[in-house]
Amino acid sequence: MQLAGVLAIAGGVAAARYYAIRTELHLEVERSAGSLAQVLEDLLAEHPELLQRQALEAVVDRFARKLPAVARVSIVDATGAILVDSHHAAAPPIDRQALRPLLGEAGEQRSSFDVAGDRYLRVSRSLRGRYDPVRRSDVVGAVTLDMRLALTDAAVTRDLVSEMALVLALCIPIGGLLYLRTRRSLVRPLEQLAAAGAQFTRGEVPAPLTFSGRDELAGVARTFNEMVEARTAAMKQRERQLAEAEAEVKVLRGILPICAQCKRIHTEEGSWQQIESYVRDHSHAEFSHGLCPDCAKATWG
């Protein structure tokens, strides 16, 4: 149970840290995408002549190749026509229809998708430039950035492994100390109590239990000691009563050599003693003399 508790604590900490690190790194990826979109917006604001087909290919290729997290960069003009799209054949094509709201009013969209087991974050953002009185808008186009999350997930796993190694390094000694403390304060007293109970059941008198502290086990030990003392005192009292009864009772046992004529008994000392005297000496019986009908008739007629 203690091992399960330590593992549960470690699992809870791991889950909490995983989602915390993952959220933090994903936000970092989103901020990176926002920063890159801002750079492109500033570039087009300063050089509006770049808003034509293939004019931004060199810039986009540099972003896609120099930044490992950037998987794809796509730019469309105010009409929705694709001006440049870096090579990322495995990703789904740009949904120009979904970009229509971003071309009418400045805004931002976020979505995620999976490609061949790898996760990607897609950030689409309006590009603002010089105000166009005909269109009555300063939105000159939109950019779509596909950011790789595999690197982020790898960083999450790496950071989580390092943190959990530290957590386990702390939890294992703490768990060991908890086990030793529980063993000393709970398991051993219970073992002593069970052994004393078995000894008491066999009729033996166990040694008094001494548990330190004032917890429930100490109360159980005091109750058990009082029970043993009361039972032992009762047994000793019964033994004394039995000994006193045996001392008071005298029982005649064995074969008594008796005269067939006079009925006197041959004692251990070698003399002959009247049966009344012999029985009186060897028991608490007393005699009351009288005559039976036969003897009375034979004697008195």
C-alpha atoms as a PDB file:
ATOM      1  CA  MET A   1       0.000   0.000   0.000  1.00  0.00           C
ATOM      2  CA  GLN A   2       2.857   2.369   0.724  1.00  0.00           C
ATOM      3  CA  LEU A   3       4.483   1.505  -2.612  1.00  0.00           C
ATOM      4  CA  ALA A   4       1.152   2.088  -4.343  1.00  0.00           C
ATOM      5  CA  GLY A   5       0.829   5.401  -2.528  1.00  0.00           C
ATOM      6  CA  VAL A   6       4.310   6.518  -3.607  1.00  0.00           C
ATOM      7  CA  LEU A   7       3.593   5.468  -7.193  1.00  0.00           C
ATOM      8  CA  ALA A   8       0.234   7.261  -7.117  1.00  0.00           C
ATOM      9  CA  ILE A   9       1.917  10.439  -5.880  1.00  0.00           C
ATOM     10  CA  ALA A  10       4.588  10.127  -8.559  1.00  0.00           C
ATOM     11  CA  GLY A  11       1.933   9.485 -11.217  1.00  0.00           C
ATOM     12  CA  GLY A  12      -0.117  12.482 -10.120  1.00  0.00           C
ATOM     13  CA  VAL A  13       2.943  14.726 -10.126  1.00  0.00           C
ATOM     14  CA  ALA A  14       3.970  13.350 -13.530  1.00  0.00           C
ATOM     15  CA  ALA A  15       0.542  13.983 -15.057  1.00  0.00           C
ATOM     16  CA  ALA A  16       0.341  17.490 -13.635  1.00  0.00           C
ATOM     17  CA  ARG A  17       3.857  18.355 -14.777  1.00  0.00           C
ATOM     18  CA  TYR A  18       3.288  16.808 -18.215  1.00  0.00           C
ATOM     19  CA  TYR A  19       0.276  18.966 -18.935  1.00  0.00           C
ATOM     20  CA  ALA A  20       1.943  22.040 -17.429  1.00  0.00           C
ATOM     21  CA  ILE A  21       5.119  21.633 -19.497  1.00  0.00           C
ATOM     22  CA  ARG A  22       3.126  20.699 -22.604  1.00  0.00           C
ATOM     23  CA  THR A  23       0.879  23.736 -22.263  1.00  0.00           C
ATOM     24  CA  GLU A  24       3.836  26.028 -21.671  1.00  0.00           C
ATOM     25  CA  LEU A  25       5.786  24.738 -24.684  1.00  0.00           C
ATOM     26  CA  HIS A  26       2.726  24.814 -26.940  1.00  0.00           C
ATOM     27  CA  LEU A  27       2.157  28.411 -25.933  1.00  0.00           C
ATOM     28  CA  GLU A  28       5.788  29.065 -26.794  1.00  0.00           C
ATOM     29  CA  VAL A  29       5.208  27.552 -30.235  1.00  0.00           C
ATOM     30  CA  GLU A  30       2.143  29.750 -30.700  1.00  0.00           C
ATOM     31  CA  ARG A  31       4.129  32.808 -29.660  1.00  0.00           C
ATOM     32  CA  SER A  32       6.860  31.851 -32.124  1.00  0.00           C
ATOM     33  CA  ALA A  33       4.281  31.561 -34.891  1.00  0.00           C
ATOM     34  CA  GLY A  34       2.842  34.929 -33.907  1.00  0.00           C
ATOM     35  CA  SER A  35       6.312  36.497 -33.912  1.00  0.00           C
ATOM     36  CA  LEU A  36       7.048  35.071 -37.376  1.00  0.00           C
ATOM     37  CA  ALA A  37       3.724  36.331 -38.702  1.00  0.00           C
ATOM     38  CA  GLN A  38       4.509  39.750 -37.242  1.00  0.00           C
ATOM     39  CA  VAL A  39       7.893  39.762 -38.996  1.00  0.00           C
ATOM     40  CA  LEU A  40       6.207  38.975 -42.331  1.00  0.00           C
ATOM     41  CA  GLU A  41       3.604  41.658 -41.711  1.00  0.00           C
ATOM     42  CA  ASP A  42       6.269  44.266 -40.959  1.00  0.00           C
ATOM     43  CA  LEU A  43       8.228  43.193 -44.038  1.00  0.00           C
ATOM     44  CA  LEU A  44       5.213  43.550 -46.338  1.00  0.00           C
ATOM     45  CA  ALA A  45       4.253  46.857 -44.731  1.00  0.00           C
ATOM     46  CA  GLU A  46       7.704  48.245 -45.580  1.00  0.00           C
ATOM     47  CA  HIS A  47       7.922  46.538 -48.976  1.00  0.00           C
ATOM     48  CA  PRO A  48       4.438  46.214 -50.475  1.00  0.00           C
ATOM     49  CA  GLU A  49       6.017  45.359 -53.829  1.00  0.00           C
ATOM     50  CA  LEU A  50       6.722  41.890 -52.440  1.00  0.00           C
ATOM     51  CA  LEU A  51       2.992  41.108 -52.535  1.00  0.00           C
ATOM     52  CA  GLN A  52       3.169  39.282 -55.817  1.00  0.00           C
ATOM     53  CA  ARG A  53       3.639  35.698 -56.891  1.00  0.00           C
ATOM     54  CA  GLN A  54       7.068  34.154 -56.189  1.00  0.00           C
ATOM     55  CA  ALA A  55       8.445  37.428 -54.763  1.00  0.00           C
ATOM     56  CA  LEU A  56       8.511  36.013 -51.232  1.00  0.00           C
ATOM     57  CA  GLU A  57       9.814  32.536 -52.051  1.00  0.00           C
ATOM     58  CA  ALA A  58      13.353  33.240 -50.891  1.00  0.00           C
ATOM     59  CA  VAL A  59      12.170  34.704 -47.586  1.00  0.00           C
ATOM     60  CA  VAL A  60       9.681  31.909 -46.972  1.00  0.00           C
ATOM     61  CA  ASP A  61      12.215  29.190 -47.826  1.00  0.00           C
ATOM     62  CA  ARG A  62      14.673  30.730 -45.397  1.00  0.00           C
ATOM     63  CA  PHE A  63      12.103  30.733 -42.619  1.00  0.00           C
ATOM     64  CA  ALA A  64      11.081  27.147 -43.355  1.00  0.00           C
ATOM     65  CA  ARG A  65      14.650  25.858 -43.454  1.00  0.00           C
ATOM     66  CA  LYS A  66      16.275  27.887 -40.695  1.00  0.00           C
ATOM     67  CA  LEU A  67      13.564  27.392 -38.089  1.00  0.00           C
ATOM     68  CA  PRO A  68      13.121  23.693 -37.172  1.00  0.00           C
ATOM     69  CA  ALA A  69       9.652  24.226 -35.724  1.00  0.00           C
ATOM     70  CA  VAL A  70       8.335  25.764 -38.959  1.00  0.00           C
ATOM     71  CA  ALA A  71       7.026  23.079 -41.313  1.00  0.00           C
ATOM     72  CA  ARG A  72       5.174  25.239 -43.817  1.00  0.00           C
ATOM     73  CA  VAL A  73       4.588  28.907 -44.660  1.00  0.00           C
ATOM     74  CA  SER A  74       1.809  29.966 -47.022  1.00  0.00           C
ATOM     75  CA  ILE A  75       0.805  33.507 -47.987  1.00  0.00           C
ATOM     76  CA  VAL A  76      -2.278  34.611 -49.896  1.00  0.00           C
ATOM     77  CA  ASP A  77      -3.143  38.087 -51.142  1.00  0.00           C
ATOM     78  CA  ALA A  78      -6.294  40.046 -50.465  1.00  0.00           C
ATOM     79  CA  THR A  79      -8.175  38.143 -53.184  1.00  0.00           C
ATOM     80  CA  GLY A  80      -7.258  34.739 -51.743  1.00  0.00           C
ATOM     81  CA  ALA A  81      -4.744  33.872 -54.447  1.00  0.00           C
ATOM     82  CA  ILE A  82      -1.733  31.928 -53.166  1.00  0.00           C
ATOM     83  CA  LEU A  83       1.421  33.983 -53.508  1.00  0.00           C
ATOM     84  CA  VAL A  84       3.888  31.520 -52.010  1.00  0.00           C
ATOM     85  CA  ASP A  85       3.661  28.116 -50.361  1.00  0.00           C
ATOM     86  CA  SER A  86       6.689  26.302 -48.959  1.00  0.00           C
ATOM     87  CA  HIS A  87       7.023  22.599 -49.684  1.00  0.00           C
ATOM     88  CA  HIS A  88       5.142  20.381 -47.254  1.00  0.00           C
ATOM     89  CA  ALA A  89       3.454  17.813 -49.440  1.00  0.00           C
ATOM     90  CA  ALA A  90       2.189  15.643 -46.541  1.00  0.00           C
ATOM     91  CA  ALA A  91       0.180  18.474 -44.974  1.00  0.00           C
ATOM     92  CA  PRO A  92      -3.388  19.174 -46.073  1.00  0.00           C
ATOM     93  CA  PRO A  93      -3.711  21.947 -48.690  1.00  0.00           C
ATOM     94  CA  ILE A  94      -4.492  25.497 -47.729  1.00  0.00           C
ATOM     95  CA  ASP A  95      -8.220  26.038 -47.333  1.00  0.00           C
ATOM     96  CA  ARG A  96      -8.606  29.405 -48.993  1.00  0.00           C
ATOM     97  CA  GLN A  97     -12.298  29.418 -48.197  1.00  0.00           C
ATOM     98  CA  ALA A  98     -11.487  29.258 -44.492  1.00  0.00           C
ATOM     99  CA  LEU A  99      -9.170  32.248 -44.918  1.00  0.00           C
ATOM    100  CA  ARG A 100     -11.934  34.482 -46.322  1.00  0.00           C
ATOM    101  CA  PRO A 101     -12.883  35.916 -42.888  1.00  0.00           C
ATOM    102  CA  LEU A 102      -9.248  36.859 -42.293  1.00  0.00           C
ATOM    103  CA  LEU A 103      -9.122  38.769 -45.591  1.00  0.00           C
ATOM    104  CA  GLY A 104     -12.205  40.817 -44.775  1.00  0.00           C
ATOM    105  CA  GLU A 105     -11.302  41.703 -41.199  1.00  0.00           C
ATOM    106  CA  ALA A 106      -8.081  41.345 -39.220  1.00  0.00           C
ATOM    107  CA  GLY A 107      -8.061  38.265 -37.063  1.00  0.00           C
ATOM    108  CA  GLU A 108      -6.383  34.954 -36.288  1.00  0.00           C
ATOM    109  CA  GLN A 109      -7.263  31.245 -36.508  1.00  0.00           C
ATOM    110  CA  ARG A 110      -5.722  28.206 -34.828  1.00  0.00           C
ATOM    111  CA  SER A 111      -6.186  24.486 -35.509  1.00  0.00           C
ATOM    112  CA  SER A 112      -4.230  21.249 -35.183  1.00  0.00           C
ATOM    113  CA  PHE A 113      -3.883  18.151 -37.348  1.00  0.00           C
ATOM    114  CA  ASP A 114      -1.904  14.923 -37.537  1.00  0.00           C
ATOM    115  CA  VAL A 115       0.218  13.744 -40.431  1.00  0.00           C
ATOM    116  CA  ALA A 116       1.818  10.274 -40.340  1.00  0.00           C
ATOM    117  CA  GLY A 117       1.652  10.218 -36.551  1.00  0.00           C
ATOM    118  CA  ASP A 118       3.174  13.706 -36.166  1.00  0.00           C
ATOM    119  CA  ARG A 119       1.166  16.549 -34.702  1.00  0.00           C
ATOM    120  CA  TYR A 120       1.091  20.032 -36.210  1.00  0.00           C
ATOM    121  CA  LEU A 121      -0.316  23.371 -35.142  1.00  0.00           C
ATOM    122  CA  ARG A 122      -1.725  25.603 -37.884  1.00  0.00           C
ATOM    123  CA  VAL A 123      -1.854  29.330 -37.189  1.00  0.00           C
ATOM    124  CA  SER A 124      -3.507  31.607 -39.756  1.00  0.00           C
ATOM    125  CA  ARG A 125      -3.336  35.373 -39.360  1.00  0.00           C
ATOM    126  CA  SER A 126      -4.283  38.456 -41.312  1.00  0.00           C
ATOM    127  CA  LEU A 127      -1.493  40.586 -42.780  1.00  0.00           C
ATOM    128  CA  ARG A 128      -2.055  44.322 -42.455  1.00  0.00           C
ATOM    129  CA  GLY A 129      -0.408  46.941 -44.587  1.00  0.00           C
ATOM    130  CA  ARG A 130      -1.345  50.173 -46.333  1.00  0.00           C
ATOM    131  CA  TYR A 131      -4.985  51.170 -46.301  1.00  0.00           C
ATOM    132  CA  ASP A 132      -6.839  50.423 -49.547  1.00  0.00           C
ATOM    133  CA  PRO A 133      -9.667  52.974 -50.069  1.00  0.00           C
ATOM    134  CA  VAL A 134     -11.303  50.805 -52.694  1.00  0.00           C
ATOM    135  CA  ARG A 135     -11.583  47.816 -50.387  1.00  0.00           C
ATOM    136  CA  ARG A 136     -11.821  50.052 -47.328  1.00  0.00           C
ATOM    137  CA  SER A 137      -9.424  47.799 -45.440  1.00  0.00           C
ATOM    138  CA  ASP A 138      -5.794  47.647 -44.490  1.00  0.00           C
ATOM    139  CA  VAL A 139      -5.690  43.821 -44.744  1.00  0.00           C
ATOM    140  CA  VAL A 140      -3.370  42.999 -47.621  1.00  0.00           C
ATOM    141  CA  GLY A 141      -3.386  39.232 -47.264  1.00  0.00           C
ATOM    142  CA  ALA A 142      -3.079  36.318 -44.852  1.00  0.00           C
ATOM    143  CA  VAL A 143      -0.322  33.978 -43.756  1.00  0.00           C
ATOM    144  CA  THR A 144      -0.666  30.360 -42.659  1.00  0.00           C
ATOM    145  CA  LEU A 145       2.053  28.756 -40.532  1.00  0.00           C
ATOM    146  CA  ASP A 146       2.255  25.018 -39.861  1.00  0.00           C
ATOM    147  CA  MET A 147       4.348  24.441 -36.715  1.00  0.00           C
ATOM    148  CA  ARG A 148       5.790  21.052 -35.816  1.00  0.00           C
ATOM    149  CA  LEU A 149       4.743  19.830 -32.378  1.00  0.00           C
ATOM    150  CA  ALA A 150       6.848  16.663 -32.479  1.00  0.00           C
ATOM    151  CA  LEU A 151       9.890  18.592 -31.310  1.00  0.00           C
ATOM    152  CA  THR A 152       7.805  20.146 -28.570  1.00  0.00           C
ATOM    153  CA  ASP A 153       6.464  16.769 -27.468  1.00  0.00           C
ATOM    154  CA  ALA A 154      10.023  15.396 -27.426  1.00  0.00           C
ATOM    155  CA  ALA A 155      11.082  18.323 -25.256  1.00  0.00           C
ATOM    156  CA  VAL A 156       8.113  17.671 -22.962  1.00  0.00           C
ATOM    157  CA  THR A 157       9.104  14.023 -22.612  1.00  0.00           C
ATOM    158  CA  ARG A 158      12.739  14.928 -21.983  1.00  0.00           C
ATOM    159  CA  ASP A 159      11.905  17.521 -19.342  1.00  0.00           C
ATOM    160  CA  LEU A 160       9.338  15.221 -17.741  1.00  0.00           C
ATOM    161  CA  VAL A 161      11.791  12.325 -17.535  1.00  0.00           C
ATOM    162  CA  SER A 162      14.407  14.519 -15.873  1.00  0.00           C
ATOM    163  CA  GLU A 163      11.894  15.930 -13.390  1.00  0.00           C
ATOM    164  CA  MET A 164      10.374  12.527 -12.596  1.00  0.00           C
ATOM    165  CA  ALA A 165      13.837  11.086 -12.042  1.00  0.00           C
ATOM    166  CA  LEU A 166      14.323  13.768  -9.401  1.00  0.00           C
ATOM    167  CA  VAL A 167      10.869  13.087  -7.928  1.00  0.00           C
ATOM    168  CA  LEU A 168      11.530   9.348  -7.715  1.00  0.00           C
ATOM    169  CA  ALA A 169      14.957  10.002  -6.238  1.00  0.00           C
ATOM    170  CA  LEU A 170      13.164  11.894  -3.455  1.00  0.00           C
ATOM    171  CA  CYS A 171      10.127   9.605  -3.160  1.00  0.00           C
ATOM    172  CA  ILE A 172      12.074   6.344  -2.802  1.00  0.00           C
ATOM    173  CA  PRO A 173      13.985   7.392   0.356  1.00  0.00           C
ATOM    174  CA  ILE A 174      10.853   9.025   1.748  1.00  0.00           C
ATOM    175  CA  GLY A 175       8.884   5.850   1.033  1.00  0.00           C
ATOM    176  CA  GLY A 176      11.598   3.773   2.709  1.00  0.00           C
ATOM    177  CA  LEU A 177      11.487   5.963   5.804  1.00  0.00           C
ATOM    178  CA  LEU A 178       7.696   5.744   5.874  1.00  0.00           C
ATOM    179  CA  TYR A 179       7.909   1.962   5.593  1.00  0.00           C
ATOM    180  CA  LEU A 180      10.422   1.691   8.460  1.00  0.00           C
ATOM    181  CA  ARG A 181       8.378   4.035  10.624  1.00  0.00           C
ATOM    182  CA  THR A 182       5.167   2.128   9.923  1.00  0.00           C
ATOM    183  CA  ARG A 183       6.958  -1.152  10.542  1.00  0.00           C
ATOM    184  CA  ARG A 184       8.215   0.039  13.907  1.00  0.00           C
ATOM    185  CA  SER A 185       5.117   1.897  15.071  1.00  0.00           C
ATOM    186  CA  LEU A 186       2.364  -0.361  13.690  1.00  0.00           C
ATOM    187  CA  VAL A 187       3.456  -3.743  12.320  1.00  0.00           C
ATOM    188  CA  ARG A 188       5.771  -4.804  15.149  1.00  0.00           C
ATOM    189  CA  PRO A 189       3.289  -3.869  17.912  1.00  0.00           C
ATOM    190  CA  LEU A 190       0.591  -5.846  16.109  1.00  0.00           C
ATOM    191  CA  GLU A 191       2.938  -8.846  15.820  1.00  0.00           C
ATOM    192  CA  GLN A 192       3.735  -8.617  19.553  1.00  0.00           C
ATOM    193  CA  LEU A 193       0.043  -8.352  20.361  1.00  0.00           C
ATOM    194  CA  ALA A 194      -0.762 -11.407  18.218  1.00  0.00           C
ATOM    195  CA  ALA A 195       2.055 -13.445  19.835  1.00  0.00           C
ATOM    196  CA  ALA A 196       0.940 -12.446  23.345  1.00  0.00           C
ATOM    197  CA  GLY A 197      -2.673 -13.342  22.500  1.00  0.00           C
ATOM    198  CA  ALA A 198      -1.612 -16.787  21.226  1.00  0.00           C
ATOM    199  CA  GLN A 199       0.470 -17.348  24.366  1.00  0.00           C
ATOM    200  CA  PHE A 200      -2.431 -16.300  26.577  1.00  0.00           C
ATOM    201  CA  THR A 201      -4.759 -18.638  24.662  1.00  0.00           C
ATOM    202  CA  ARG A 202      -2.446 -21.578  25.457  1.00  0.00           C
ATOM    203  CA  GLY A 203      -2.861 -20.845  29.166  1.00  0.00           C
ATOM    204  CA  GLU A 204       0.520 -19.169  29.577  1.00  0.00           C
ATOM    205  CA  VAL A 205       1.063 -15.758  31.115  1.00  0.00           C
ATOM    206  CA  PRO A 206       2.636 -13.421  28.530  1.00  0.00           C
ATOM    207  CA  ALA A 207       4.973 -10.624  29.446  1.00  0.00           C
ATOM    208  CA  PRO A 208       3.287  -7.217  29.763  1.00  0.00           C
ATOM    209  CA  LEU A 209       3.075  -5.296  26.508  1.00  0.00           C
ATOM    210  CA  THR A 210       4.800  -1.919  26.540  1.00  0.00           C
ATOM    211  CA  PHE A 211       4.077   0.337  23.543  1.00  0.00           C
ATOM    212  CA  SER A 212       5.433   3.846  23.483  1.00  0.00           C
ATOM    213  CA  GLY A 213       3.097   6.711  22.737  1.00  0.00           C
ATOM    214  CA  ARG A 214      -0.527   7.410  23.511  1.00  0.00           C
ATOM    215  CA  ASP A 215      -2.171   6.150  20.344  1.00  0.00           C
ATOM    216  CA  GLU A 216      -4.782   3.412  19.912  1.00  0.00           C
ATOM    217  CA  LEU A 217      -2.180   0.629  20.102  1.00  0.00           C
ATOM    218  CA  ALA A 218      -1.033   1.835  23.516  1.00  0.00           C
ATOM    219  CA  GLY A 219      -4.663   1.750  24.673  1.00  0.00           C
ATOM    220  CA  VAL A 220      -5.056  -1.781  23.313  1.00  0.00           C
ATOM    221  CA  ALA A 221      -1.854  -2.847  25.104  1.00  0.00           C
ATOM    222  CA  ARG A 222      -3.102  -1.431  28.420  1.00  0.00           C
ATOM    223  CA  THR A 223      -6.450  -3.177  28.027  1.00  0.00           C
ATOM    224  CA  PHE A 224      -4.725  -6.470  27.171  1.00  0.00           C
ATOM    225  CA  ASN A 225      -2.383  -6.206  30.169  1.00  0.00           C
ATOM    226  CA  GLU A 226      -5.320  -5.489  32.484  1.00  0.00           C
ATOM    227  CA  MET A 227      -7.190  -8.493  31.074  1.00  0.00           C
ATOM    228  CA  VAL A 228      -4.176 -10.766  31.609  1.00  0.00           C
ATOM    229  CA  GLU A 229      -3.684  -9.489  35.159  1.00  0.00           C
ATOM    230  CA  ALA A 230      -7.378  -9.978  36.000  1.00  0.00           C
ATOM    231  CA  ARG A 231      -7.428 -13.479  34.474  1.00  0.00           C
ATOM    232  CA  THR A 232      -4.187 -14.458  36.219  1.00  0.00           C
ATOM    233  CA  ALA A 233      -5.443 -13.181  39.577  1.00  0.00           C
ATOM    234  CA  ALA A 234      -8.701 -15.105  39.148  1.00  0.00           C
ATOM    235  CA  MET A 235      -6.808 -18.301  38.277  1.00  0.00           C
ATOM    236  CA  LYS A 236      -4.525 -17.928  41.303  1.00  0.00           C
ATOM    237  CA  GLN A 237      -7.526 -17.362  43.554  1.00  0.00           C
ATOM    238  CA  ARG A 238      -9.209 -20.511  42.230  1.00  0.00           C
ATOM    239  CA  GLU A 239      -5.989 -22.465  42.738  1.00  0.00           C
ATOM    240  CA  ARG A 240      -5.831 -21.295  46.357  1.00  0.00           C
ATOM    241  CA  GLN A 241      -9.462 -22.222  46.913  1.00  0.00           C
ATOM    242  CA  LEU A 242      -8.875 -25.651  45.401  1.00  0.00           C
ATOM    243  CA  ALA A 243      -5.800 -26.219  47.559  1.00  0.00           C
ATOM    244  CA  GLU A 244      -7.714 -25.188  50.664  1.00  0.00           C
ATOM    245  CA  ALA A 245     -10.573 -27.534  49.757  1.00  0.00           C
ATOM    246  CA  GLU A 246      -8.176 -30.390  49.155  1.00  0.00           C
ATOM    247  CA  ALA A 247      -6.502 -29.693  52.493  1.00  0.00           C
ATOM    248  CA  GLU A 248      -9.852 -29.851  54.264  1.00  0.00           C
ATOM    249  CA  VAL A 249     -11.084 -33.029  52.584  1.00  0.00           C
ATOM    250  CA  LYS A 250      -9.704 -36.377  53.777  1.00  0.00           C
ATOM    251  CA  VAL A 251     -10.563 -39.396  51.674  1.00  0.00           C
ATOM    252  CA  LEU A 252      -9.927 -43.028  52.550  1.00  0.00           C
ATOM    253  CA  ARG A 253      -8.462 -44.937  49.630  1.00  0.00           C
ATOM    254  CA  GLY A 254      -6.977 -48.342  49.061  1.00  0.00           C
ATOM    255  CA  ILE A 255      -7.575 -51.722  50.792  1.00  0.00           C
ATOM    256  CA  LEU A 256      -8.164 -51.698  54.572  1.00  0.00           C
ATOM    257  CA  PRO A 257      -7.129 -54.877  56.403  1.00  0.00           C
ATOM    258  CA  ILE A 258     -10.023 -55.569  58.811  1.00  0.00           C
ATOM    259  CA  CYS A 259     -10.600 -58.400  61.267  1.00  0.00           C
ATOM    260  CA  ALA A 260     -13.392 -60.706  60.124  1.00  0.00           C
ATOM    261  CA  GLN A 261     -14.481 -61.310  63.705  1.00  0.00           C
ATOM    262  CA  CYS A 262     -14.141 -58.087  65.673  1.00  0.00           C
ATOM    263  CA  LYS A 263     -14.011 -55.732  62.693  1.00  0.00           C
ATOM    264  CA  ARG A 264     -10.941 -53.878  63.983  1.00  0.00           C
ATOM    265  CA  ILE A 265      -8.588 -52.437  61.375  1.00  0.00           C
ATOM    266  CA  HIS A 266      -4.896 -53.240  61.155  1.00  0.00           C
ATOM    267  CA  THR A 267      -3.138 -49.836  61.038  1.00  0.00           C
ATOM    268  CA  GLU A 268       0.125 -48.900  59.308  1.00  0.00           C
ATOM    269  CA  GLU A 269       1.828 -48.847  62.697  1.00  0.00           C
ATOM    270  CA  GLY A 270       0.960 -52.520  63.221  1.00  0.00           C
ATOM    271  CA  SER A 271      -1.720 -52.077  65.895  1.00  0.00           C
ATOM    272  CA  TRP A 272      -5.392 -52.966  65.725  1.00  0.00           C
ATOM    273  CA  GLN A 273      -7.806 -50.052  66.028  1.00  0.00           C
ATOM    274  CA  GLN A 274     -11.533 -49.871  66.298  1.00  0.00           C
ATOM    275  CA  ILE A 275     -13.138 -49.018  62.999  1.00  0.00           C
ATOM    276  CA  GLU A 276     -14.872 -45.957  64.482  1.00  0.00           C
ATOM    277  CA  SER A 277     -11.607 -44.557  65.764  1.00  0.00           C
ATOM    278  CA  TYR A 278      -9.778 -45.278  62.531  1.00  0.00           C
ATOM    279  CA  VAL A 279     -12.401 -43.580  60.351  1.00  0.00           C
ATOM    280  CA  ARG A 280     -12.570 -40.624  62.761  1.00  0.00           C
ATOM    281  CA  ASP A 281      -8.792 -40.169  62.607  1.00  0.00           C
ATOM    282  CA  HIS A 282      -8.584 -40.400  58.828  1.00  0.00           C
ATOM    283  CA  SER A 283     -11.636 -38.322  57.867  1.00  0.00           C
ATOM    284  CA  HIS A 284     -14.025 -35.734  59.166  1.00  0.00           C
ATOM    285  CA  ALA A 285     -16.775 -38.285  59.730  1.00  0.00           C
ATOM    286  CA  GLU A 286     -18.317 -38.695  63.178  1.00  0.00           C
ATOM    287  CA  PHE A 287     -20.273 -41.696  64.504  1.00  0.00           C
ATOM    288  CA  SER A 288     -23.572 -41.838  66.338  1.00  0.00           C
ATOM    289  CA  HIS A 289     -24.135 -45.251  67.951  1.00  0.00           C
ATOM    290  CA  GLY A 290     -27.394 -47.147  67.989  1.00  0.00           C
ATOM    291  CA  LEU A 291     -28.823 -50.631  67.384  1.00  0.00           C
ATOM    292  CA  CYS A 292     -30.351 -51.966  64.280  1.00  0.00           C
ATOM    293  CA  PRO A 293     -33.590 -53.981  64.699  1.00  0.00           C
ATOM    294  CA  ASP A 294     -31.856 -57.344  64.281  1.00  0.00           C
ATOM    295  CA  CYS A 295     -29.165 -56.565  66.854  1.00  0.00           C
ATOM    296  CA  ALA A 296     -31.704 -55.060  69.232  1.00  0.00           C
ATOM    297  CA  LYS A 297     -33.841 -58.186  69.052  1.00  0.00           C
ATOM    298  CA  ALA A 298     -30.810 -60.453  69.455  1.00  0.00           C
ATOM    299  CA  THR A 299     -29.497 -58.420  72.387  1.00  0.00           C
ATOM    300  CA  TRP A 300     -32.639 -57.343  74.270  1.00  0.00           C
ATOM    301  CA  GLY A 301     -35.177 -59.762  73.055  1.00  0.00           C
END
